[in-house]
C-alpha atoms as a PDB file:
ATOM      1  CA  MET A   1      36.267  61.088-121.467  1.00  0.00           C
ATOM      2  CA  ASN A   2      34.895  57.657-122.165  1.00  0.00           C
ATOM      3  CA  ILE A   3      33.506  57.075-125.760  1.00  0.00           C
ATOM      4  CA  VAL A   4      30.306  55.376-125.606  1.00  0.00           C
ATOM      5  CA  VAL A   5      29.747  54.926-129.287  1.00  0.00           C
ATOM      6  CA  THR A   6      32.686  52.503-130.021  1.00  0.00           C
ATOM      7  CA  ASP A   7      31.697  50.653-133.123  1.00  0.00           C
ATOM      8  CA  ILE A   8      30.957  53.495-135.462  1.00  0.00           C
ATOM      9  CA  ALA A   9      33.448  54.165-138.180  1.00  0.00           C
ATOM     10  CA  PRO A  10      35.430  57.243-137.646  1.00  0.00           C
ATOM     11  CA  ALA A  11      34.955  60.001-139.926  1.00  0.00           C
ATOM     12  CA  GLY A  12      38.007  60.227-142.345  1.00  0.00           C
ATOM     13  CA  SER A  13      39.242  62.381-145.003  1.00  0.00           C
ATOM     14  CA  GLU A  14      35.939  61.585-147.094  1.00  0.00           C
ATOM     15  CA  GLN A  15      33.265  63.614-145.253  1.00  0.00           C
ATOM     16  CA  ASP A  16      29.717  62.651-145.698  1.00  0.00           C
ATOM     17  CA  HIS A  17      27.831  65.818-146.287  1.00  0.00           C
ATOM     18  CA  SER A  18      24.651  64.158-147.386  1.00  0.00           C
ATOM     19  CA  PRO A  19      21.323  64.602-145.216  1.00  0.00           C
ATOM     20  CA  SER A  20      21.863  61.213-143.971  1.00  0.00           C
ATOM     21  CA  GLY A  21      25.529  61.991-143.153  1.00  0.00           C
ATOM     22  CA  THR A  22      24.512  65.016-141.164  1.00  0.00           C
ATOM     23  CA  LEU A  23      21.932  63.083-139.267  1.00  0.00           C
ATOM     24  CA  ARG A  24      24.368  60.547-138.308  1.00  0.00           C
ATOM     25  CA  THR A  25      26.579  63.309-136.845  1.00  0.00           C
ATOM     26  CA  ARG A  26      23.517  64.632-134.890  1.00  0.00           C
ATOM     27  CA  VAL A  27      22.744  61.067-133.527  1.00  0.00           C
ATOM     28  CA  GLN A  28      26.336  60.586-132.386  1.00  0.00           C
ATOM     29  CA  MET A  29      26.194  63.749-130.572  1.00  0.00           C
ATOM     30  CA  GLN A  30      22.876  62.858-128.924  1.00  0.00           C
ATOM     31  CA  MET A  31      24.129  59.505-128.071  1.00  0.00           C
ATOM     32  CA  GLU A  32      27.373  61.179-126.402  1.00  0.00           C
ATOM     33  CA  SER A  33      25.381  63.729-124.592  1.00  0.00           C
ATOM     34  CA  GLU A  34      23.183  61.106-123.055  1.00  0.00           C
ATOM     35  CA  SER A  35      25.917  58.459-122.634  1.00  0.00           C
ATOM     36  CA  LEU A  36      23.911  56.129-124.754  1.00  0.00           C
ATOM     37  CA  SER A  37      25.341  52.839-126.289  1.00  0.00           C
ATOM     38  CA  ILE A  38      23.896  51.833-129.813  1.00  0.00           C
ATOM     39  CA  LYS A  39      21.668  49.146-128.266  1.00  0.00           C
ATOM     40  CA  ALA A  40      20.210  52.032-125.948  1.00  0.00           C
ATOM     41  CA  ALA A  41      19.896  54.434-128.613  1.00  0.00           C
ATOM     42  CA  ALA A  42      18.181  51.670-130.877  1.00  0.00           C
ATOM     43  CA  THR A  43      15.528  51.184-127.901  1.00  0.00           C
ATOM     44  CA  ALA A  44      14.852  54.812-127.472  1.00  0.00           C
ATOM     45  CA  SER A  45      14.476  55.255-130.986  1.00  0.00           C
ATOM     46  CA  GLY A  46      12.386  52.291-131.930  1.00  0.00           C
ATOM     47  CA  ILE A  47      14.897  51.281-134.535  1.00  0.00           C
ATOM     48  CA  ALA A  48      16.288  47.845-134.728  1.00  0.00           C
ATOM     49  CA  TYR A  49      19.706  47.514-133.258  1.00  0.00           C
ATOM     50  CA  SER A  50      21.130  45.921-136.475  1.00  0.00           C
ATOM     51  CA  THR A  51      19.494  48.475-138.559  1.00  0.00           C
ATOM     52  CA  LEU A  52      20.920  51.484-136.456  1.00  0.00           C
ATOM     53  CA  SER A  53      24.180  50.056-136.237  1.00  0.00           C
ATOM     54  CA  ALA A  54      24.433  49.636-140.122  1.00  0.00           C
ATOM     55  CA  TRP A  55      22.879  52.931-140.761  1.00  0.00           C
ATOM     56  CA  LEU A  56      25.277  54.803-138.449  1.00  0.00           C
ATOM     57  CA  ASN A  57      28.107  53.210-140.271  1.00  0.00           C
ATOM     58  CA  ASN A  58      26.745  54.240-143.664  1.00  0.00           C
ATOM     59  CA  LYS A  59      26.401  50.361-144.605  1.00  0.00           C
ATOM     60  CA  TYR A  60      22.583  50.159-144.390  1.00  0.00           C
ATOM     61  CA  ALA A  61      21.184  48.454-147.444  1.00  0.00           C
ATOM     62  CA  GLY A  62      17.535  48.880-146.775  1.00  0.00           C
ATOM     63  CA  ASP A  63      15.397  51.903-147.046  1.00  0.00           C
ATOM     64  CA  ASN A  64      17.539  54.622-145.633  1.00  0.00           C
ATOM     65  CA  ALA A  65      14.902  57.465-145.962  1.00  0.00           C
ATOM     66  CA  ALA A  66      12.704  55.439-143.709  1.00  0.00           C
ATOM     67  CA  VAL A  67      15.497  55.135-141.117  1.00  0.00           C
ATOM     68  CA  ASP A  68      16.233  58.975-141.571  1.00  0.00           C
ATOM     69  CA  ALA A  69      12.496  59.722-140.889  1.00  0.00           C
ATOM     70  CA  LYS A  70      12.610  57.695-137.666  1.00  0.00           C
ATOM     71  CA  VAL A  71      15.892  59.313-136.680  1.00  0.00           C
ATOM     72  CA  GLU A  72      14.490  62.751-137.133  1.00  0.00           C
ATOM     73  CA  ARG A  73      11.394  61.888-135.041  1.00  0.00           C
ATOM     74  CA  TRP A  74      13.687  60.622-132.071  1.00  0.00           C
ATOM     75  CA  LEU A  75      15.877  63.717-132.215  1.00  0.00           C
ATOM     76  CA  GLU A  76      12.941  66.014-132.287  1.00  0.00           C
ATOM     77  CA  SER A  77      11.483  64.016-129.405  1.00  0.00           C
ATOM     78  CA  ALA A  78      14.878  64.221-127.410  1.00  0.00           C
ATOM     79  CA  ARG A  79      14.995  68.025-127.935  1.00  0.00           C
ATOM     80  CA  THR A  80      11.551  68.432-126.696  1.00  0.00           C
ATOM     81  CA  ARG A  81      12.186  66.420-123.533  1.00  0.00           C
ATOM     82  CA  SER A  82      15.364  68.233-123.110  1.00  0.00           C
ATOM     83  CA  HIS A  83      13.287  71.698-123.292  1.00  0.00           C
ATOM     84  CA  VAL A  84      10.666  70.299-121.043  1.00  0.00           C
ATOM     85  CA  ARG A  85      13.293  69.209-118.423  1.00  0.00           C
ATOM     86  CA  LYS A  86      15.111  72.683-118.224  1.00  0.00           C
ATOM     87  CA  ALA A  87      11.685  74.541-118.064  1.00  0.00           C
ATOM     88  CA  LEU A  88      10.844  72.286-115.036  1.00  0.00           C
ATOM     89  CA  PRO A  89      11.888  73.889-111.726  1.00  0.00           C
ATOM     90  CA  GLN A  90      13.655  71.453-109.305  1.00  0.00           C
ATOM     91  CA  GLU A  91      11.097  70.145-106.775  1.00  0.00           C
ATOM     92  CA  PRO A  92      11.872  70.406-103.272  1.00  0.00           C
ATOM     93  CA  GLY A  93      13.538  67.359-101.684  1.00  0.00           C
ATOM     94  CA  PHE A  94      13.322  65.949 -98.123  1.00  0.00           C
ATOM     95  CA  ILE A  95      11.622  68.588 -95.680  1.00  0.00           C
ATOM     96  CA  GLU A  96      11.588  67.931 -92.037  1.00  0.00           C
ATOM     97  CA  THR A  97       7.866  68.693 -91.492  1.00  0.00           C
ATOM     98  CA  PRO A  98       6.225  67.794 -88.224  1.00  0.00           C
ATOM     99  CA  THR A  99       4.780  64.709 -89.952  1.00  0.00           C
ATOM    100  CA  ALA A 100       8.045  63.795 -91.322  1.00  0.00           C
ATOM    101  CA  GLN A 101       9.557  63.902 -87.853  1.00  0.00           C
ATOM    102  CA  ILE A 102       6.738  61.305 -86.684  1.00  0.00           C
ATOM    103  CA  TRP A 103       7.718  58.991 -89.737  1.00  0.00           C
ATOM    104  CA  MET A 104      11.594  59.251 -88.822  1.00  0.00           C
ATOM    105  CA  SER A 105      10.872  58.539 -85.136  1.00  0.00           C
ATOM    106  CA  VAL A 106       9.225  55.327 -86.309  1.00  0.00           C
ATOM    107  CA  PHE A 107      12.265  54.415 -88.380  1.00  0.00           C
ATOM    108  CA  GLU A 108      14.548  55.363 -85.542  1.00  0.00           C
ATOM    109  CA  TYR A 109      12.766  53.256 -82.983  1.00  0.00           C
ATOM    110  CA  CYS A 110      12.335  50.112 -85.131  1.00  0.00           C
ATOM    111  CA  GLN A 111      16.011  50.043 -86.122  1.00  0.00           C
ATOM    112  CA  GLY A 112      17.175  50.920 -82.649  1.00  0.00           C
ATOM    113  CA  GLY A 113      14.733  48.328 -80.904  1.00  0.00           C
ATOM    114  CA  PRO A 114      14.664  46.357 -83.086  1.00  0.00           C
ATOM    115  CA  ASP A 115      10.947  46.319 -83.555  1.00  0.00           C
ATOM    116  CA  ILE A 116       8.118  46.285 -86.036  1.00  0.00           C
ATOM    117  CA  GLY A 117       6.454  49.588 -87.020  1.00  0.00           C
ATOM    118  CA  LEU A 118       3.244  50.439 -89.139  1.00  0.00           C
ATOM    119  CA  ILE A 119       2.878  53.761 -90.909  1.00  0.00           C
ATOM    120  CA  THR A 120      -0.330  54.310 -92.665  1.00  0.00           C
ATOM    121  CA  GLY A 121      -1.808  57.188 -94.480  1.00  0.00           C
ATOM    122  CA  ASP A 122      -3.325  58.519 -97.538  1.00  0.00           C
ATOM    123  CA  ALA A 123      -1.127  59.288-100.502  1.00  0.00           C
ATOM    124  CA  GLY A 124       0.920  62.678-100.204  1.00  0.00           C
ATOM    125  CA  VAL A 125       1.580  62.801 -96.560  1.00  0.00           C
ATOM    126  CA  GLY A 126       5.238  62.388 -97.126  1.00  0.00           C
ATOM    127  CA  LYS A 127       5.902  58.585 -96.242  1.00  0.00           C
ATOM    128  CA  THR A 128       7.982  57.611 -99.078  1.00  0.00           C
ATOM    129  CA  ILE A 129      10.190  60.525 -99.418  1.00  0.00           C
ATOM    130  CA  ALA A 130      10.911  60.443 -95.584  1.00  0.00           C
ATOM    131  CA  ALA A 131      11.715  56.718 -96.030  1.00  0.00           C
ATOM    132  CA  LYS A 132      14.041  57.322 -98.842  1.00  0.00           C
ATOM    133  CA  HIS A 133      15.689  60.011 -96.734  1.00  0.00           C
ATOM    134  CA  TYR A 134      16.297  57.737 -93.755  1.00  0.00           C
ATOM    135  CA  ARG A 135      17.599  54.918 -95.979  1.00  0.00           C
ATOM    136  CA  ASP A 136      20.033  57.274 -97.663  1.00  0.00           C
ATOM    137  CA  SER A 137      21.126  58.641 -94.171  1.00  0.00           C
ATOM    138  CA  ASN A 138      21.726  55.598 -92.308  1.00  0.00           C
ATOM    139  CA  PRO A 139      23.568  52.224 -92.751  1.00  0.00           C
ATOM    140  CA  ASN A 140      22.141  48.859 -93.214  1.00  0.00           C
ATOM    141  CA  VAL A 141      18.708  50.359 -94.163  1.00  0.00           C
ATOM    142  CA  TRP A 142      16.965  48.532 -97.097  1.00  0.00           C
ATOM    143  CA  MET A 143      13.690  49.752 -98.744  1.00  0.00           C
ATOM    144  CA  MET A 144      11.416  47.811-100.951  1.00  0.00           C
ATOM    145  CA  THR A 145       8.300  48.669-102.701  1.00  0.00           C
ATOM    146  CA  ALA A 146       5.597  46.008-102.810  1.00  0.00           C
ATOM    147  CA  ASP A 147       3.445  45.651-105.997  1.00  0.00           C
ATOM    148  CA  SER A 148       1.193  43.238-107.552  1.00  0.00           C
ATOM    149  CA  SER A 149       4.055  41.205-108.886  1.00  0.00           C
ATOM    150  CA  MET A 150       5.325  40.677-105.435  1.00  0.00           C
ATOM    151  CA  ARG A 151       2.259  39.009-103.821  1.00  0.00           C
ATOM    152  CA  SER A 152       3.988  35.803-103.096  1.00  0.00           C
ATOM    153  CA  PRO A 153       6.489  34.851-100.407  1.00  0.00           C
ATOM    154  CA  THR A 154       8.851  33.483-103.051  1.00  0.00           C
ATOM    155  CA  ALA A 155       8.531  36.789-105.080  1.00  0.00           C
ATOM    156  CA  ILE A 156       9.561  38.530-101.752  1.00  0.00           C
ATOM    157  CA  LEU A 157      12.326  36.636-101.205  1.00  0.00           C
ATOM    158  CA  ARG A 158      13.754  37.084-104.585  1.00  0.00           C
ATOM    159  CA  LYS A 159      13.286  40.734-104.096  1.00  0.00           C
ATOM    160  CA  LEU A 160      15.004  40.632-100.710  1.00  0.00           C
ATOM    161  CA  THR A 161      17.979  38.592-101.818  1.00  0.00           C
ATOM    162  CA  SER A 162      18.552  41.273-104.580  1.00  0.00           C
ATOM    163  CA  LEU A 163      18.068  44.185-102.208  1.00  0.00           C
ATOM    164  CA  VAL A 164      20.437  43.016 -99.413  1.00  0.00           C
ATOM    165  CA  ASP A 165      22.963  41.600-101.910  1.00  0.00           C
ATOM    166  CA  ALA A 166      22.542  38.003-100.426  1.00  0.00           C
ATOM    167  CA  ASN A 167      24.932  35.319-101.809  1.00  0.00           C
ATOM    168  CA  VAL A 168      22.049  33.072-102.963  1.00  0.00           C
ATOM    169  CA  GLN A 169      19.538  34.677-105.119  1.00  0.00           C
ATOM    170  CA  ARG A 170      17.603  31.668-106.396  1.00  0.00           C
ATOM    171  CA  GLY A 171      16.361  28.208-105.063  1.00  0.00           C
ATOM    172  CA  PRO A 172      15.527  26.990-101.690  1.00  0.00           C
ATOM    173  CA  GLY A 173      18.685  28.577 -99.914  1.00  0.00           C
ATOM    174  CA  MET A 174      17.387  32.303-100.441  1.00  0.00           C
ATOM    175  CA  MET A 175      15.876  32.530 -96.903  1.00  0.00           C
ATOM    176  CA  ASP A 176      19.108  31.414 -95.166  1.00  0.00           C
ATOM    177  CA  SER A 177      21.125  33.479 -97.403  1.00  0.00           C
ATOM    178  CA  ILE A 178      19.089  36.574 -96.345  1.00  0.00           C
ATOM    179  CA  LEU A 179      19.116  35.803 -92.877  1.00  0.00           C
ATOM    180  CA  GLU A 180      22.977  35.451 -93.099  1.00  0.00           C
ATOM    181  CA  ARG A 181      23.366  38.710 -94.732  1.00  0.00           C
ATOM    182  CA  VAL A 182      21.204  40.845 -92.498  1.00  0.00           C
ATOM    183  CA  ARG A 183      21.770  39.114 -89.174  1.00  0.00           C
ATOM    184  CA  ASP A 184      23.960  41.302 -86.720  1.00  0.00           C
ATOM    185  CA  THR A 185      23.727  44.462 -88.824  1.00  0.00           C
ATOM    186  CA  ARG A 186      21.343  46.198 -86.567  1.00  0.00           C
ATOM    187  CA  GLY A 187      19.583  47.062 -89.839  1.00  0.00           C
ATOM    188  CA  LEU A 188      16.001  48.055 -90.859  1.00  0.00           C
ATOM    189  CA  ILE A 189      13.734  46.722 -93.727  1.00  0.00           C
ATOM    190  CA  ILE A 190      11.202  49.421 -94.809  1.00  0.00           C
ATOM    191  CA  VAL A 191       8.451  47.830 -97.056  1.00  0.00           C
ATOM    192  CA  ASP A 192       6.510  50.491 -98.876  1.00  0.00           C
ATOM    193  CA  GLU A 193       2.992  49.985-100.411  1.00  0.00           C
ATOM    194  CA  ALA A 194       2.713  47.066 -98.092  1.00  0.00           C
ATOM    195  CA  GLN A 195      -1.111  46.726 -98.871  1.00  0.00           C
ATOM    196  CA  ASN A 196      -0.111  44.947-101.969  1.00  0.00           C
ATOM    197  CA  LEU A 197       1.395  42.045 -99.811  1.00  0.00           C
ATOM    198  CA  GLN A 198      -0.542  38.777 -99.192  1.00  0.00           C
ATOM    199  CA  THR A 199      -0.849  37.738 -95.470  1.00  0.00           C
ATOM    200  CA  GLU A 200       1.719  34.969 -96.045  1.00  0.00           C
ATOM    201  CA  SER A 201       4.177  37.545 -97.255  1.00  0.00           C
ATOM    202  CA  ILE A 202       3.611  39.842 -94.247  1.00  0.00           C
ATOM    203  CA  ASP A 203       4.287  36.632 -91.957  1.00  0.00           C
ATOM    204  CA  LEU A 204       7.409  35.870 -94.039  1.00  0.00           C
ATOM    205  CA  LEU A 205       8.829  39.324 -93.156  1.00  0.00           C
ATOM    206  CA  ARG A 206       7.847  39.079 -89.699  1.00  0.00           C
ATOM    207  CA  LYS A 207       9.873  35.698 -89.488  1.00  0.00           C
ATOM    208  CA  ILE A 208      12.935  37.460 -90.905  1.00  0.00           C
ATOM    209  CA  TYR A 209      12.476  40.088 -88.164  1.00  0.00           C
ATOM    210  CA  ASP A 210      12.301  37.408 -85.401  1.00  0.00           C
ATOM    211  CA  GLU A 211      15.237  35.392 -86.811  1.00  0.00           C
ATOM    212  CA  ALA A 212      17.578  38.010 -87.933  1.00  0.00           C
ATOM    213  CA  ASP A 213      16.662  40.394 -85.161  1.00  0.00           C
ATOM    214  CA  ILE A 214      16.495  43.595 -87.245  1.00  0.00           C
ATOM    215  CA  GLY A 215      13.916  46.293 -87.591  1.00  0.00           C
ATOM    216  CA  LEU A 216      10.996  46.225 -89.934  1.00  0.00           C
ATOM    217  CA  VAL A 217       8.542  48.934 -90.952  1.00  0.00           C
ATOM    218  CA  PHE A 218       5.336  48.399 -93.028  1.00  0.00           C
ATOM    219  CA  MET A 219       4.035  51.454 -94.816  1.00  0.00           C
ATOM    220  CA  GLY A 220       0.921  51.754 -96.671  1.00  0.00           C
ATOM    221  CA  ASN A 221      -2.570  53.244 -97.240  1.00  0.00           C
ATOM    222  CA  MET A 222      -5.414  53.612 -94.842  1.00  0.00           C
ATOM    223  CA  PRO A 223      -6.754  50.004 -95.293  1.00  0.00           C
ATOM    224  CA  LEU A 224      -3.515  48.486 -94.444  1.00  0.00           C
ATOM    225  CA  LYS A 225      -3.956  49.728 -90.804  1.00  0.00           C
ATOM    226  CA  SER A 226      -7.439  48.084 -90.730  1.00  0.00           C
ATOM    227  CA  ARG A 227      -5.912  44.931 -92.166  1.00  0.00           C
ATOM    228  CA  ILE A 228      -3.050  44.611 -89.680  1.00  0.00           C
ATOM    229  CA  GLU A 229      -5.331  45.432 -86.752  1.00  0.00           C
ATOM    230  CA  GLY A 230      -7.777  42.805 -87.805  1.00  0.00           C
ATOM    231  CA  MET A 231      -4.995  40.330 -87.452  1.00  0.00           C
ATOM    232  CA  GLY A 232      -5.137  40.794 -83.747  1.00  0.00           C
ATOM    233  CA  ARG A 233      -8.642  39.318 -83.822  1.00  0.00           C
ATOM    234  CA  GLN A 234      -7.403  36.179 -85.779  1.00  0.00           C
ATOM    235  CA  SER A 235      -5.542  33.587 -83.739  1.00  0.00           C
ATOM    236  CA  SER A 236      -3.840  32.165 -86.920  1.00  0.00           C
ATOM    237  CA  HIS A 237      -2.386  35.580 -87.431  1.00  0.00           C
ATOM    238  CA  ALA A 238      -2.403  37.263 -84.001  1.00  0.00           C
ATOM    239  CA  GLN A 239       1.542  36.971 -83.845  1.00  0.00           C
ATOM    240  CA  ILE A 240       1.945  39.460 -86.733  1.00  0.00           C
ATOM    241  CA  PHE A 241      -0.281  42.151 -84.956  1.00  0.00           C
ATOM    242  CA  SER A 242       1.325  41.389 -81.435  1.00  0.00           C
ATOM    243  CA  ARG A 243       4.673  41.983 -82.839  1.00  0.00           C
ATOM    244  CA  VAL A 244       4.024  45.705 -84.188  1.00  0.00           C
ATOM    245  CA  GLY A 245       5.355  47.878 -81.508  1.00  0.00           C
ATOM    246  CA  MET A 246       4.715  51.339 -82.941  1.00  0.00           C
ATOM    247  CA  ARG A 247       1.844  52.556 -84.965  1.00  0.00           C
ATOM    248  CA  LYS A 248       1.635  55.853 -86.590  1.00  0.00           C
ATOM    249  CA  ASN A 249      -1.312  57.162 -88.846  1.00  0.00           C
ATOM    250  CA  ARG A 250      -1.866  60.347 -90.644  1.00  0.00           C
ATOM    251  CA  ALA A 251      -4.947  60.569 -93.102  1.00  0.00           C
ATOM    252  CA  LYS A 252      -3.865  63.895 -94.528  1.00  0.00           C
ATOM    253  CA  PRO A 253      -1.060  66.643 -94.540  1.00  0.00           C
ATOM    254  CA  GLN A 254      -1.276  68.932 -91.571  1.00  0.00           C
ATOM    255  CA  VAL A 255      -1.189  72.829 -92.144  1.00  0.00           C
ATOM    256  CA  LYS A 256       2.139  72.647 -90.436  1.00  0.00           C
ATOM    257  CA  ASP A 257       3.499  70.395 -92.972  1.00  0.00           C
ATOM    258  CA  VAL A 258       2.184  72.434 -95.958  1.00  0.00           C
ATOM    259  CA  LEU A 259       3.691  75.793 -94.796  1.00  0.00           C
ATOM    260  CA  PRO A 260       7.410  74.594 -94.982  1.00  0.00           C
ATOM    261  CA  MET A 261       6.726  73.189 -98.575  1.00  0.00           C
ATOM    262  CA  LEU A 262       5.202  76.542 -99.699  1.00  0.00           C
ATOM    263  CA  ASP A 263       8.323  78.105 -98.297  1.00  0.00           C
ATOM    264  CA  ALA A 264      10.663  75.786-100.188  1.00  0.00           C
ATOM    265  CA  TRP A 265       8.792  76.665-103.432  1.00  0.00           C
ATOM    266  CA  GLY A 266       9.329  80.471-102.563  1.00  0.00           C
ATOM    267  CA  ILE A 267       5.542  81.045-102.458  1.00  0.00           C
ATOM    268  CA  HIS A 268       5.134  83.839 -99.715  1.00  0.00           C
ATOM    269  CA  GLU A 269       2.217  85.838-101.095  1.00  0.00           C
ATOM    270  CA  PRO A 270      -0.813  85.233 -98.820  1.00  0.00           C
ATOM    271  CA  THR A 271      -3.418  84.342-101.488  1.00  0.00           C
ATOM    272  CA  LEU A 272      -1.153  81.898-103.118  1.00  0.00           C
ATOM    273  CA  ARG A 273      -0.373  80.314-100.022  1.00  0.00           C
ATOM    274  CA  LYS A 274      -4.199  79.965 -99.084  1.00  0.00           C
ATOM    275  CA  VAL A 275      -4.699  78.315-102.511  1.00  0.00           C
ATOM    276  CA  GLY A 276      -1.511  76.119-101.952  1.00  0.00           C
ATOM    277  CA  ARG A 277      -3.019  74.825 -98.615  1.00  0.00           C
ATOM    278  CA  TRP A 278      -6.266  73.968-100.295  1.00  0.00           C
ATOM    279  CA  ILE A 279      -4.611  71.937-102.968  1.00  0.00           C
ATOM    280  CA  ALA A 280      -2.382  70.022-100.488  1.00  0.00           C
ATOM    281  CA  MET A 281      -5.721  69.108 -98.636  1.00  0.00           C
ATOM    282  CA  GLN A 282      -7.094  67.413-101.762  1.00  0.00           C
ATOM    283  CA  PRO A 283      -6.431  63.656-102.735  1.00  0.00           C
ATOM    284  CA  GLY A 284      -2.767  63.307-103.384  1.00  0.00           C
ATOM    285  CA  GLY A 285      -1.809  65.630-100.539  1.00  0.00           C
ATOM    286  CA  LEU A 286       1.813  67.170-100.795  1.00  0.00           C
ATOM    287  CA  ARG A 287       2.452  65.211-103.940  1.00  0.00           C
ATOM    288  CA  THR A 288      -0.451  67.002-105.668  1.00  0.00           C
ATOM    289  CA  LEU A 289       0.679  70.332-104.448  1.00  0.00           C
ATOM    290  CA  ASN A 290       4.255  69.848-105.698  1.00  0.00           C
ATOM    291  CA  LYS A 291       2.948  68.844-108.941  1.00  0.00           C
ATOM    292  CA  THR A 292       0.588  71.642-109.330  1.00  0.00           C
ATOM    293  CA  VAL A 293       3.269  74.185-108.386  1.00  0.00           C
ATOM    294  CA  ARG A 294       5.827  72.632-110.507  1.00  0.00           C
ATOM    295  CA  TYR A 295       3.853  72.910-113.662  1.00  0.00           C
ATOM    296  CA  ALA A 296       2.550  76.447-112.580  1.00  0.00           C
ATOM    297  CA  TYR A 297       6.108  77.598-112.604  1.00  0.00           C
ATOM    298  CA  MET A 298       6.667  76.145-116.151  1.00  0.00           C
ATOM    299  CA  LEU A 299       3.754  78.426-117.334  1.00  0.00           C
ATOM    300  CA  THR A 300       5.288  81.370-115.721  1.00  0.00           C
ATOM    301  CA  ARG A 301       8.588  80.631-117.595  1.00  0.00           C
ATOM    302  CA  ALA A 302       6.832  80.003-120.814  1.00  0.00           C
ATOM    303  CA  ASP A 303       5.567  83.733-120.454  1.00  0.00           C
ATOM    304  CA  ASP A 304       9.111  85.018-119.439  1.00  0.00           C
ATOM    305  CA  ARG A 305       7.968  85.797-116.045  1.00  0.00           C
ATOM    306  CA  GLN A 306       9.669  85.005-112.649  1.00  0.00           C
ATOM    307  CA  GLU A 307       6.568  85.658-110.334  1.00  0.00           C
ATOM    308  CA  LEU A 308       3.959  82.943-109.774  1.00  0.00           C
ATOM    309  CA  ALA A 309       0.346  84.287-109.947  1.00  0.00           C
ATOM    310  CA  GLU A 310      -3.042  82.789-108.879  1.00  0.00           C
ATOM    311  CA  ALA A 311      -3.857  82.157-112.547  1.00  0.00           C
ATOM    312  CA  ASP A 312      -0.952  80.132-113.004  1.00  0.00           C
ATOM    313  CA  LEU A 313      -2.025  77.706-110.332  1.00  0.00           C
ATOM    314  CA  LYS A 314      -5.608  77.753-111.669  1.00  0.00           C
ATOM    315  CA  ALA A 315      -4.156  76.822-115.275  1.00  0.00           C
ATOM    316  CA  SER A 316      -1.851  74.354-113.830  1.00  0.00           C
ATOM    317  CA  TRP A 317      -4.521  72.667-111.654  1.00  0.00           C
ATOM    318  CA  LYS A 318      -6.922  72.673-114.749  1.00  0.00           C
ATOM    319  CA  GLU A 319      -4.329  71.227-117.055  1.00  0.00           C
ATOM    320  CA  LEU A 320      -3.332  68.279-114.536  1.00  0.00           C
ATOM    321  CA  THR A 321      -6.793  67.339-113.339  1.00  0.00           C
ATOM    322  CA  GLY A 322      -8.995  68.211-116.124  1.00  0.00           C
ATOM    323  CA  THR A 323     -11.178  70.294-113.875  1.00  0.00           C
ATOM    324  CA  GLU A 324     -11.592  74.064-112.857  1.00  0.00           C
ATOM    325  CA  LEU A 325     -10.040  75.044-109.407  1.00  0.00           C
ATOM    326  CA  PRO A 326     -12.951  75.932-107.397  1.00  0.00           C
ATOM    327  CA  SER A 327     -13.525  79.596-106.977  1.00  0.00           C
ATOM    328  CA  PHE A 328     -13.630  79.164-103.164  1.00  0.00           C
ATOM    329  CA  ALA A 329     -10.425  77.324-103.023  1.00  0.00           C
ATOM    330  CA  GLY A 330      -8.183  79.195-100.431  1.00  0.00           C
ATOM    331  CA  ARG A 331     -10.870  81.445 -99.460  1.00  0.00           C
ATOM    332  CA  GLU A 332     -13.066  79.364 -97.164  1.00  0.00           C
END
C-alpha cells in the first residue's frame, strides 16, 4: 500500500500521549483513509501548509492550541461528511428511458454521419447523463461543458486542446493541433450547455466539424433551439443552421421516462409513484425527482426505517425547496 504521508516523522520509542499527539495520530489516519497529501490536508482543513507540516512533526513553535482547535473542527467536519455519504443511497445511473433513446440516436447518427446534431430541453430531461453514458461507451467521443468563462473562440480552443489531448495547447497552433488529433478518428464532440457559447464560438466548432470530418452535437436549454434556428434567417450565420442535420427537443420528461426511474429507486407503492410523477414534472424534471427521493431515503434511515413513506417525500420536498408539497400533488 502506498504511503501518502511521507514527510511525517515516524513514531519511535518515545510515544507522544499528549492531546496534540493523539490529534496527530487521528489526522494521519484521516489522511491515509482519504489518500491525502499534507498539502491537500492543509487545503481541506484551512491550515497553512507550513504550519500543518510542522505541527504534524511536533515542531510547530507557534500557538499549538489554536492549531489543535482547527484540526478538531476539520476532523469533526470530515466525520459528519462521511456519515452523510453513508446515509445517502446510491442514485440510479443511466437508465435507457424513451427520451434517453432519442438522445442516443442523435449521438449515434452524428458520429456515424458525420453530422451536426442539436439537442434541446429544459433541465432534468436526461441530456447530460445520456451524453456521459454515450461518451463512456464509445471510443473517440469528447464531451465539454460550456460556461461563461469559455465564451471566446480562444477559450474554446484551449479547452479542446486539453480535452482531445492535442500536442499544442497554447498559441496560434492550437487549431491545427486539434484538427490533426481528431481528423480520421470518426469521432464526436458533444458540447453541453451550449447556450453559453458566443456565435463566433459556435462557428468555430462548425469549422472543426467541416475540416476534421467528425460529428458534433450541441446540447442546451430551450433558448438554444430558438437561437440556432434564428441563424437560418441571417445570411451571415446561415451556414451554421444549414449544417444541423438532426434536431431533437424535449421540454419535460415524459411519464414513460419517470416510471423506469421510480422502478430503479424501488418505489412501487401507487400513491408514492403518483407523487413521484408530479415531482418529476416540476422544474428540474428527473434531476429534481432524484434529489427529492434521495433525501427522503435519508430521512427513513435516520428513523431506522427501510420503507419510504409519503411523509418522507413531503419532508424532503420542503427541506430542499423551502415550500410545502401541494396537497394535490399526485392526486390530480
